Amino acid sequence: MNHPEEFKRDAVDFARSSPNPSFADVAHCLSVRPEILRKGVRDDRNRIRTARVTTA
């Protein structure tokens, strides 16, 4: 995603807060490709897991 970090964080938050999150629907609302949004959510999930492991 060649978007500012804030946009990426907001997109991931939006995808997670959607009642029936379909990457295609959320991506369409944000005018990004679904696979880009999916990668952003996956990267964020991995970042959170890594943070948990390093602080435990």
N, C-alpha and C. Protein backbone atom coordinates (compact mmCIF):
# COMPACT_ATOMS: atom_id res chain seq x y z
N MET A 1 0.85 -1.17 0.00
CA MET A 1 0.00 0.00 0.00
C MET A 1 0.89 1.24 0.00
N ASN A 2 0.77 2.05 -0.99
CA ASN A 2 1.53 3.29 -1.02
C ASN A 2 0.69 4.42 -0.44
N HIS A 3 0.25 4.21 0.76
CA HIS A 3 -0.57 5.18 1.47
C HIS A 3 0.16 5.53 2.77
N PRO A 4 -0.17 6.68 3.35
CA PRO A 4 0.44 7.04 4.63
C PRO A 4 0.12 5.99 5.70
N GLU A 5 0.99 5.86 6.67
CA GLU A 5 0.81 4.89 7.75
C GLU A 5 -0.53 5.09 8.45
N GLU A 6 -0.95 6.31 8.64
CA GLU A 6 -2.22 6.57 9.32
C GLU A 6 -3.39 5.98 8.53
N PHE A 7 -3.35 6.11 7.21
CA PHE A 7 -4.40 5.52 6.37
C PHE A 7 -4.40 4.01 6.52
N LYS A 8 -3.23 3.40 6.53
CA LYS A 8 -3.13 1.95 6.67
C LYS A 8 -3.72 1.50 8.00
N ARG A 9 -3.37 2.18 9.08
CA ARG A 9 -3.91 1.83 10.40
C ARG A 9 -5.42 1.99 10.42
N ASP A 10 -5.90 3.09 9.86
CA ASP A 10 -7.34 3.34 9.83
C ASP A 10 -8.06 2.29 8.98
N ALA A 11 -7.46 1.89 7.88
CA ALA A 11 -8.07 0.88 7.02
C ALA A 11 -8.18 -0.46 7.75
N VAL A 12 -7.13 -0.84 8.45
CA VAL A 12 -7.15 -2.08 9.22
C VAL A 12 -8.21 -1.99 10.32
N ASP A 13 -8.25 -0.89 11.04
CA ASP A 13 -9.25 -0.70 12.09
C ASP A 13 -10.66 -0.77 11.51
N PHE A 14 -10.87 -0.13 10.38
CA PHE A 14 -12.17 -0.14 9.73
C PHE A 14 -12.57 -1.56 9.34
N ALA A 15 -11.63 -2.30 8.78
CA ALA A 15 -11.91 -3.69 8.37
C ALA A 15 -12.27 -4.54 9.58
N ARG A 16 -11.57 -4.34 10.67
CA ARG A 16 -11.84 -5.13 11.88
C ARG A 16 -13.15 -4.74 12.55
N SER A 17 -13.57 -3.50 12.42
CA SER A 17 -14.78 -3.05 13.10
C SER A 17 -16.05 -3.25 12.26
N SER A 18 -15.89 -3.64 11.03
CA SER A 18 -17.05 -3.87 10.16
C SER A 18 -17.83 -5.08 10.67
N PRO A 19 -19.17 -5.01 10.72
CA PRO A 19 -19.96 -6.10 11.27
C PRO A 19 -19.80 -7.41 10.51
N ASN A 20 -19.78 -7.37 9.22
CA ASN A 20 -19.54 -8.55 8.38
C ASN A 20 -18.40 -8.23 7.44
N PRO A 21 -17.19 -8.27 7.97
CA PRO A 21 -16.07 -7.81 7.14
C PRO A 21 -15.78 -8.70 5.94
N SER A 22 -16.05 -8.18 4.80
CA SER A 22 -15.65 -8.80 3.56
C SER A 22 -14.52 -7.90 3.04
N PHE A 23 -13.36 -8.48 2.82
CA PHE A 23 -12.26 -7.66 2.34
C PHE A 23 -12.64 -6.93 1.06
N ALA A 24 -13.41 -7.58 0.21
CA ALA A 24 -13.81 -6.94 -1.04
C ALA A 24 -14.68 -5.72 -0.78
N ASP A 25 -15.66 -5.85 0.12
CA ASP A 25 -16.55 -4.73 0.42
C ASP A 25 -15.82 -3.58 1.09
N VAL A 26 -15.02 -3.91 2.09
CA VAL A 26 -14.29 -2.87 2.82
C VAL A 26 -13.28 -2.20 1.90
N ALA A 27 -12.58 -2.99 1.12
CA ALA A 27 -11.59 -2.43 0.19
C ALA A 27 -12.27 -1.51 -0.82
N HIS A 28 -13.43 -1.91 -1.29
CA HIS A 28 -14.18 -1.07 -2.24
C HIS A 28 -14.52 0.28 -1.60
N CYS A 29 -14.97 0.26 -0.35
CA CYS A 29 -15.30 1.50 0.37
C CYS A 29 -14.08 2.42 0.49
N LEU A 30 -12.90 1.81 0.62
CA LEU A 30 -11.67 2.58 0.81
C LEU A 30 -10.91 2.83 -0.49
N SER A 31 -11.42 2.30 -1.59
CA SER A 31 -10.77 2.43 -2.90
C SER A 31 -9.36 1.84 -2.93
N VAL A 32 -9.24 0.65 -2.34
CA VAL A 32 -7.99 -0.10 -2.40
C VAL A 32 -8.31 -1.52 -2.87
N ARG A 33 -7.30 -2.24 -3.31
CA ARG A 33 -7.50 -3.62 -3.75
C ARG A 33 -7.68 -4.53 -2.52
N PRO A 34 -8.57 -5.51 -2.58
CA PRO A 34 -8.81 -6.39 -1.44
C PRO A 34 -7.55 -7.09 -0.93
N GLU A 35 -6.69 -7.52 -1.84
CA GLU A 35 -5.48 -8.22 -1.39
C GLU A 35 -4.53 -7.30 -0.61
N ILE A 36 -4.56 -6.02 -0.94
CA ILE A 36 -3.74 -5.06 -0.20
C ILE A 36 -4.28 -4.90 1.22
N LEU A 37 -5.59 -4.80 1.35
CA LEU A 37 -6.20 -4.70 2.67
C LEU A 37 -5.97 -5.97 3.47
N ARG A 38 -6.12 -7.11 2.84
CA ARG A 38 -5.89 -8.40 3.50
C ARG A 38 -4.47 -8.48 4.03
N LYS A 39 -3.51 -8.04 3.22
CA LYS A 39 -2.11 -8.05 3.65
C LYS A 39 -1.91 -7.11 4.84
N GLY A 40 -2.55 -5.96 4.82
CA GLY A 40 -2.43 -5.02 5.92
C GLY A 40 -2.96 -5.60 7.23
N VAL A 41 -4.10 -6.29 7.16
CA VAL A 41 -4.67 -6.92 8.35
C VAL A 41 -3.74 -8.03 8.84
N ARG A 42 -3.23 -8.84 7.92
CA ARG A 42 -2.32 -9.93 8.29
C ARG A 42 -1.05 -9.38 8.92
N ASP A 43 -0.48 -8.35 8.33
CA ASP A 43 0.74 -7.75 8.88
C ASP A 43 0.50 -7.19 10.28
N ASP A 44 -0.66 -6.56 10.47
CA ASP A 44 -0.98 -6.01 11.78
C ASP A 44 -1.15 -7.12 12.81
N ARG A 45 -1.81 -8.20 12.43
CA ARG A 45 -1.98 -9.35 13.32
C ARG A 45 -0.62 -9.92 13.72
N ASN A 46 0.28 -10.05 12.76
CA ASN A 46 1.62 -10.56 13.06
C ASN A 46 2.40 -9.61 13.96
N ARG A 47 2.23 -8.30 13.75
CA ARG A 47 2.90 -7.32 14.60
C ARG A 47 2.42 -7.44 16.04
N ILE A 48 1.12 -7.64 16.22
CA ILE A 48 0.56 -7.79 17.56
C ILE A 48 1.08 -9.06 18.22
N ARG A 49 1.10 -10.16 17.48
CA ARG A 49 1.61 -11.43 18.02
C ARG A 49 3.07 -11.29 18.42
N THR A 50 3.86 -10.65 17.59
CA THR A 50 5.28 -10.46 17.91
C THR A 50 5.45 -9.62 19.16
N ALA A 51 4.64 -8.59 19.29
CA ALA A 51 4.71 -7.72 20.47
C ALA A 51 4.37 -8.51 21.73
N ARG A 52 3.39 -9.40 21.66
CA ARG A 52 3.02 -10.22 22.81
C ARG A 52 4.14 -11.16 23.22
N VAL A 53 4.78 -11.76 22.23
CA VAL A 53 5.85 -12.70 22.51
C VAL A 53 7.04 -12.00 23.13
N THR A 54 7.39 -10.85 22.64
CA THR A 54 8.57 -10.15 23.15
C THR A 54 8.34 -9.53 24.51
N THR A 55 7.06 -9.27 24.90
CA THR A 55 6.80 -8.69 26.22
C THR A 55 6.47 -9.75 27.25
N ALA A 56 6.27 -10.99 26.82
CA ALA A 56 5.91 -12.06 27.78
C ALA A 56 7.12 -12.64 28.45
